[in-house]
Amino acid sequence: MQGVEDIPEPVLSAGIPWAWESFPDYMDWLARRDFDIDIGAQLPHAALRVYVMGERGARRDPSTAADNAAMAKLAGAAVRAGALGFSTSRTLNHRTSTGDFTPTLKAGEDELTAIAGAMQSEGRSVLQFVLDLSGIDDDLPMMLRVADNTKCPISFSITQNDRSPRRWRQTLDEINAATRRGLSVTAQIAARPVGLLLGLELSRNPFQTHPSYRKIAHLPLKERLAHLRQSEVRAAILSETAGATDDPLFFRPNYDKMFLLGDPPDYEQPPENALGPQARRLGKRPEELAYDAMLSDDGRSMLYVPFLN
């Protein structure tokens, strides 16, 4: 969660008591709490895989028949305890805070079949997954075979991106063909575009790899702001280009897809609101607009970069 969802480790450690080991333990813990919304819990593949396989699971080693049997047994117990289903990830974007891929990235068809089959045999379940566009031609047929062999309904999110803007329609055609064969397949879409938030208080900003910014990146926000407001620091940062980084989610800024998020947040702005078009209208560089925007509201303003849907 620290790597995938950018939730700081202290929040996870302090905000959650971690008072369980097994999935039935977790359901018991949930039952002792009150919630304002309904809760539906799924068994997470990464936690299950590492629990059974240890370091081999974290390294994404192929599972053995014994591993599969152990995971299947625990998955069946999870359904008996109240799990709605099972979730797995095959996207390169899901990484730990140190950049390692998710343990489930290349989990084998035999592993998924054993888990889904065990869960479905205990009661109606659902196999939920997330795929990458780059691997969908291999991964989606495999998931459909798992559903066919286990009779377990499957659900996954469809995304649209700029590299292949019409691929989602082909995916819908594949789903329709599967349902005509009697499979239960449900596609999900996001309620708004998926993107990154950039800012001085956040994990990423457009200038984080510029050498002059790196010199002050460690400073508290108030001290950083004092430096960033100096004309010579501003000129230095804006004269530089983004350097190399090992951050898997960092990309060279596309200012035609970067917006000032606003207050209240606006996630569905028209293209002309992006910093690139604004800069061209004003006769400025988009980097200047991004720099000044982040300094507003005492450094708490956020920039928004949608990249899916």
Protein backbone atom coordinates (compact mmCIF):
# COMPACT_ATOMS: atom_id res chain seq x y z
CA MET A 1 0.00 0.00 0.00
CA GLN A 2 2.92 2.34 0.57
CA GLY A 3 4.21 1.72 -2.94
CA VAL A 4 0.96 1.20 -4.86
CA GLU A 5 -1.35 3.73 -3.22
CA ASP A 6 1.23 6.15 -1.83
CA ILE A 7 -0.05 5.73 1.75
CA PRO A 8 2.86 6.60 4.09
CA GLU A 9 4.14 3.76 6.27
CA PRO A 10 3.55 5.67 9.55
CA VAL A 11 -0.13 6.01 8.64
CA LEU A 12 -0.41 2.29 8.01
CA SER A 13 1.47 1.39 11.20
CA ALA A 14 -0.32 3.84 13.49
CA GLY A 15 -3.77 3.75 11.93
CA ILE A 16 -4.29 -0.02 11.71
CA PRO A 17 -3.83 -2.40 14.67
CA TRP A 18 -2.86 -5.44 12.52
CA ALA A 19 -4.72 -7.64 14.99
CA TRP A 20 -5.07 -10.68 12.72
CA GLU A 21 -3.11 -13.37 10.92
CA SER A 22 -5.58 -15.49 8.96
CA PHE A 23 -8.49 -14.27 6.86
CA PRO A 24 -11.03 -15.61 9.40
CA ASP A 25 -9.14 -13.59 12.05
CA TYR A 26 -9.55 -10.53 9.85
CA MET A 27 -13.30 -11.08 9.45
CA ASP A 28 -13.61 -11.45 13.23
CA TRP A 29 -11.79 -8.14 13.66
CA LEU A 30 -14.12 -6.44 11.17
CA ALA A 31 -17.16 -7.84 13.00
CA ARG A 32 -16.12 -6.07 16.20
CA ARG A 33 -16.15 -2.66 14.51
CA ASP A 34 -18.91 -0.32 13.39
CA PHE A 35 -18.91 1.14 9.88
CA ASP A 36 -20.92 3.83 8.12
CA ILE A 37 -20.81 1.84 4.86
CA ASP A 38 -21.21 -1.81 3.97
CA ILE A 39 -17.96 -3.80 3.86
CA GLY A 40 -17.16 -6.53 1.35
CA ALA A 41 -13.81 -8.24 1.92
CA GLN A 42 -11.70 -10.11 -0.61
CA LEU A 43 -8.71 -12.38 -0.10
CA PRO A 44 -5.61 -10.62 -1.52
CA HIS A 45 -3.39 -12.81 -3.68
CA ALA A 46 -0.09 -11.08 -2.80
CA ALA A 47 -0.56 -11.59 0.94
CA LEU A 48 -1.69 -15.19 0.42
CA ARG A 49 1.23 -16.01 -1.88
CA VAL A 50 3.91 -14.60 0.41
CA TYR A 51 2.29 -16.18 3.48
CA VAL A 52 2.49 -19.63 1.86
CA MET A 53 5.70 -19.31 -0.19
CA GLY A 54 7.74 -16.82 1.82
CA GLU A 55 10.63 -15.23 -0.03
CA ARG A 56 9.98 -17.41 -3.08
CA GLY A 57 6.56 -15.84 -3.38
CA ALA A 58 7.92 -12.31 -3.04
CA ARG A 59 10.50 -13.10 -5.75
CA ARG A 60 7.67 -14.23 -8.05
CA ASP A 61 9.04 -17.77 -8.32
CA PRO A 62 6.67 -20.30 -9.92
CA SER A 63 4.51 -22.06 -7.35
CA THR A 64 4.73 -25.80 -6.80
CA ALA A 65 1.83 -28.23 -6.58
CA ALA A 66 2.24 -28.18 -2.80
CA ASP A 67 2.17 -24.37 -2.78
CA ASN A 68 -1.01 -24.39 -4.86
CA ALA A 69 -2.67 -26.89 -2.53
CA ALA A 70 -1.79 -24.79 0.52
CA MET A 71 -3.07 -21.58 -1.07
CA ALA A 72 -6.25 -23.33 -2.21
CA LYS A 73 -6.92 -24.60 1.32
CA LEU A 74 -6.56 -21.11 2.79
CA ALA A 75 -8.69 -19.64 0.00
CA GLY A 76 -11.50 -22.07 0.72
CA ALA A 77 -11.35 -21.18 4.40
CA ALA A 78 -11.59 -17.50 3.47
CA VAL A 79 -14.87 -18.05 1.61
CA ARG A 80 -16.26 -20.01 4.53
CA ALA A 81 -15.35 -17.07 6.77
CA GLY A 82 -17.19 -14.62 4.51
CA ALA A 83 -14.84 -13.53 1.70
CA LEU A 84 -16.69 -12.27 -1.35
CA GLY A 85 -13.84 -13.40 -3.54
CA PHE A 86 -10.19 -13.12 -4.46
CA SER A 87 -8.16 -10.29 -5.98
CA THR A 88 -4.96 -10.53 -8.01
CA SER A 89 -2.79 -8.05 -9.92
CA ARG A 90 -0.79 -8.47 -13.13
CA THR A 91 0.15 -4.83 -13.70
CA LEU A 92 3.67 -3.43 -13.80
CA ASN A 93 2.37 -0.33 -12.00
CA HIS A 94 1.84 -2.25 -8.75
CA ARG A 95 5.21 -2.09 -7.02
CA THR A 96 6.55 -1.89 -3.51
CA SER A 97 7.99 1.35 -2.15
CA THR A 98 11.43 0.05 -3.20
CA GLY A 99 10.29 -0.58 -6.78
CA ASP A 100 9.84 -4.36 -6.64
CA PHE A 101 6.97 -5.79 -8.69
CA THR A 102 3.94 -7.30 -6.99
CA PRO A 103 4.44 -10.98 -6.03
CA THR A 104 1.45 -11.92 -8.20
CA LEU A 105 2.67 -10.34 -11.44
CA LYS A 106 3.34 -13.59 -13.31
CA ALA A 107 1.49 -16.12 -11.17
CA GLY A 108 0.81 -19.24 -13.24
CA GLU A 109 -2.51 -20.41 -14.58
CA ASP A 110 -2.29 -23.53 -12.41
CA GLU A 111 -1.92 -21.38 -9.29
CA LEU A 112 -4.91 -19.20 -10.13
CA THR A 113 -7.01 -22.19 -11.13
CA ALA A 114 -6.32 -23.95 -7.82
CA ILE A 115 -7.24 -20.87 -5.78
CA ALA A 116 -10.35 -19.93 -7.77
CA GLY A 117 -11.54 -23.53 -7.89
CA ALA A 118 -11.21 -23.96 -4.13
CA MET A 119 -13.10 -20.75 -3.43
CA GLN A 120 -15.90 -21.53 -5.87
CA SER A 121 -16.31 -25.03 -4.42
CA GLU A 122 -17.05 -23.48 -1.01
CA GLY A 123 -19.74 -21.13 -2.33
CA ARG A 124 -20.30 -18.45 -4.91
CA SER A 125 -17.14 -16.40 -5.22
CA VAL A 126 -15.59 -13.92 -7.65
CA LEU A 127 -12.07 -13.63 -9.08
CA GLN A 128 -11.17 -9.98 -9.51
CA PHE A 129 -8.02 -8.88 -11.31
CA VAL A 130 -6.20 -5.96 -12.89
CA LEU A 131 -4.22 -6.24 -16.13
CA ASP A 132 -1.87 -4.08 -18.15
CA LEU A 133 -2.60 -3.12 -21.73
CA SER A 134 0.83 -4.46 -22.66
CA GLY A 135 -0.03 -7.95 -21.41
CA ILE A 136 -3.77 -8.13 -22.00
CA ASP A 137 -3.50 -10.26 -25.16
CA ASP A 138 -1.98 -13.07 -23.06
CA ASP A 139 -3.47 -12.42 -19.64
CA LEU A 140 -7.14 -11.98 -20.53
CA PRO A 141 -7.44 -15.30 -22.43
CA MET A 142 -5.70 -16.99 -19.51
CA MET A 143 -8.16 -15.46 -17.03
CA LEU A 144 -11.06 -16.58 -19.19
CA ARG A 145 -9.68 -20.13 -19.17
CA VAL A 146 -9.47 -20.01 -15.36
CA ALA A 147 -13.10 -18.88 -15.24
CA ASP A 148 -14.12 -21.62 -17.68
CA ASN A 149 -12.30 -24.36 -15.77
CA THR A 150 -13.50 -23.33 -12.30
CA LYS A 151 -16.91 -21.79 -13.14
CA CYS A 152 -15.85 -18.89 -10.94
CA PRO A 153 -17.23 -15.50 -12.05
CA ILE A 154 -14.53 -12.98 -12.92
CA SER A 155 -14.43 -9.21 -12.74
CA PHE A 156 -11.80 -6.76 -13.92
CA SER A 157 -11.29 -3.10 -14.66
CA ILE A 158 -11.20 -1.83 -18.24
CA THR A 159 -8.96 1.13 -18.87
CA GLN A 160 -8.46 3.41 -21.84
CA ASN A 161 -5.12 5.04 -22.53
CA ASP A 162 -3.47 7.16 -25.18
CA ARG A 163 -1.20 4.41 -26.52
CA SER A 164 -4.16 2.38 -27.77
CA PRO A 165 -7.28 4.50 -27.31
CA ARG A 166 -9.72 2.01 -28.89
CA ARG A 167 -8.38 -1.23 -27.35
CA TRP A 168 -11.10 -1.17 -24.69
CA ARG A 169 -13.74 -1.80 -27.36
CA GLN A 170 -11.91 -4.96 -28.44
CA THR A 171 -11.88 -6.02 -24.78
CA LEU A 172 -15.65 -5.55 -24.59
CA ASP A 173 -16.03 -7.73 -27.70
CA GLU A 174 -13.96 -10.46 -26.01
CA ILE A 175 -16.16 -10.21 -22.91
CA ASN A 176 -19.31 -10.51 -25.01
CA ALA A 177 -17.93 -13.60 -26.72
CA ALA A 178 -17.13 -15.15 -23.34
CA THR A 179 -20.59 -14.47 -21.95
CA ARG A 180 -22.12 -16.09 -25.01
CA ARG A 181 -20.13 -19.20 -24.04
CA GLY A 182 -21.79 -19.10 -20.62
CA LEU A 183 -19.03 -17.46 -18.58
CA SER A 184 -19.81 -14.84 -15.95
CA VAL A 185 -17.60 -11.85 -16.81
CA THR A 186 -18.11 -8.32 -15.49
CA ALA A 187 -16.12 -5.29 -16.56
CA GLN A 188 -15.66 -2.30 -14.28
CA ILE A 189 -14.81 1.29 -15.15
CA ALA A 190 -13.58 4.12 -12.96
CA ALA A 191 -16.02 6.85 -12.00
CA ARG A 192 -13.48 9.44 -13.13
CA PRO A 193 -10.10 9.48 -14.89
CA VAL A 194 -7.20 7.79 -13.13
CA GLY A 195 -4.17 9.96 -12.56
CA LEU A 196 -1.33 11.24 -10.41
CA LEU A 197 -1.40 14.19 -8.05
CA LEU A 198 1.75 16.33 -7.99
CA GLY A 199 2.75 18.91 -5.42
CA LEU A 200 5.36 20.13 -2.95
CA GLU A 201 3.71 18.24 -0.06
CA LEU A 202 3.28 15.07 -2.13
CA SER A 203 5.62 12.29 -3.21
CA ARG A 204 6.10 13.67 -6.71
CA ASN A 205 6.29 17.00 -8.52
CA PRO A 206 7.34 18.00 -12.05
CA PHE A 207 10.72 19.30 -10.88
CA GLN A 208 11.73 16.53 -8.49
CA THR A 209 14.62 15.36 -10.69
CA HIS A 210 15.95 18.83 -11.53
CA PRO A 211 19.40 19.21 -9.91
CA SER A 212 18.61 22.56 -8.26
CA TYR A 213 15.40 21.18 -6.74
CA ARG A 214 17.16 18.07 -5.48
CA LYS A 215 19.46 20.30 -3.42
CA ILE A 216 16.50 21.56 -1.34
CA ALA A 217 14.12 18.59 -1.61
CA HIS A 218 14.98 17.40 1.92
CA LEU A 219 13.95 20.68 3.57
CA PRO A 220 10.64 21.14 5.42
CA LEU A 221 7.94 22.74 3.28
CA LYS A 222 8.27 26.21 4.82
CA GLU A 223 12.02 26.33 4.20
CA ARG A 224 11.66 24.88 0.71
CA LEU A 225 9.11 27.55 -0.13
CA ALA A 226 11.48 30.28 1.00
CA HIS A 227 14.11 28.96 -1.42
CA LEU A 228 11.67 28.35 -4.26
CA ARG A 229 10.43 31.94 -4.06
CA GLN A 230 13.93 33.28 -4.67
CA SER A 231 14.25 34.47 -8.26
CA GLU A 232 17.65 32.88 -8.75
CA VAL A 233 16.39 29.46 -7.54
CA ARG A 234 13.33 29.73 -9.78
CA ALA A 235 15.49 30.61 -12.78
CA ALA A 236 17.89 27.75 -12.09
CA ILE A 237 15.16 25.11 -11.77
CA LEU A 238 13.31 26.32 -14.85
CA SER A 239 16.53 26.30 -16.88
CA GLU A 240 17.14 22.61 -16.13
CA THR A 241 15.61 19.48 -17.58
CA ALA A 242 14.36 16.40 -15.77
CA GLY A 243 17.15 14.01 -14.84
CA ALA A 244 17.23 10.23 -14.55
CA THR A 245 15.20 8.58 -11.79
CA ASP A 246 14.47 5.06 -10.60
CA ASP A 247 10.92 6.05 -9.64
CA PRO A 248 8.75 3.67 -11.74
CA LEU A 249 5.82 6.11 -11.75
CA PHE A 250 7.78 9.22 -12.64
CA PHE A 251 7.54 10.39 -16.21
CA ARG A 252 8.69 13.44 -18.09
CA PRO A 253 5.88 15.93 -17.69
CA ASN A 254 3.33 16.23 -20.49
CA TYR A 255 1.94 19.69 -19.88
CA ASP A 256 -0.87 19.17 -22.37
CA LYS A 257 -2.19 16.60 -19.87
CA MET A 258 -1.43 18.48 -16.65
CA PHE A 259 -4.07 20.54 -14.85
CA LEU A 260 -4.34 22.62 -11.71
CA LEU A 261 -6.56 20.41 -9.58
CA GLY A 262 -8.41 23.31 -7.94
CA ASP A 263 -10.55 23.61 -4.83
CA PRO A 264 -12.97 21.92 -4.96
CA PRO A 265 -11.07 19.34 -7.03
CA ASP A 266 -12.03 19.13 -10.71
CA TYR A 267 -11.06 15.79 -12.26
CA GLU A 268 -12.81 16.27 -15.62
CA GLN A 269 -11.54 19.51 -17.04
CA PRO A 270 -11.62 20.39 -20.76
CA PRO A 271 -8.33 20.07 -22.69
CA GLU A 272 -7.92 23.84 -22.97
CA ASN A 273 -7.54 24.04 -19.18
CA ALA A 274 -4.27 22.10 -19.29
CA LEU A 275 -1.08 24.03 -18.55
CA GLY A 276 0.26 23.53 -22.07
CA PRO A 277 -2.63 25.26 -23.87
CA GLN A 278 -2.78 27.94 -21.15
CA ALA A 279 0.93 28.68 -21.59
CA ARG A 280 0.60 29.00 -25.37
CA ARG A 281 -2.25 31.47 -24.95
CA LEU A 282 -0.19 33.52 -22.49
CA GLY A 283 3.06 33.32 -24.42
CA LYS A 284 4.80 31.55 -21.54
CA ARG A 285 6.46 28.20 -20.92
CA PRO A 286 4.21 25.62 -19.23
CA GLU A 287 6.98 24.93 -16.70
CA GLU A 288 6.54 28.49 -15.45
CA LEU A 289 2.83 27.96 -14.86
CA ALA A 290 3.45 24.66 -13.08
CA TYR A 291 6.14 26.20 -10.86
CA ASP A 292 4.00 29.16 -9.84
CA ALA A 293 0.90 27.02 -9.35
CA MET A 294 2.67 24.76 -6.87
CA LEU A 295 3.82 27.72 -4.82
CA SER A 296 0.29 29.05 -4.43
CA ASP A 297 -1.77 28.40 -1.29
CA ASP A 298 1.48 28.29 0.71
CA GLY A 299 2.78 25.40 -1.34
CA ARG A 300 -0.28 23.23 -0.91
CA SER A 301 -1.76 23.48 -4.42
CA MET A 302 -1.83 20.26 -6.42
CA LEU A 303 -1.39 19.45 -10.09
CA TYR A 304 -3.37 16.64 -11.65
CA VAL A 305 -2.16 14.35 -14.48
CA PRO A 306 -4.84 11.94 -15.76
CA PHE A 307 -3.35 8.99 -17.64
CA LEU A 308 -6.18 6.44 -17.87
CA ASN A 309 -9.83 6.79 -18.88
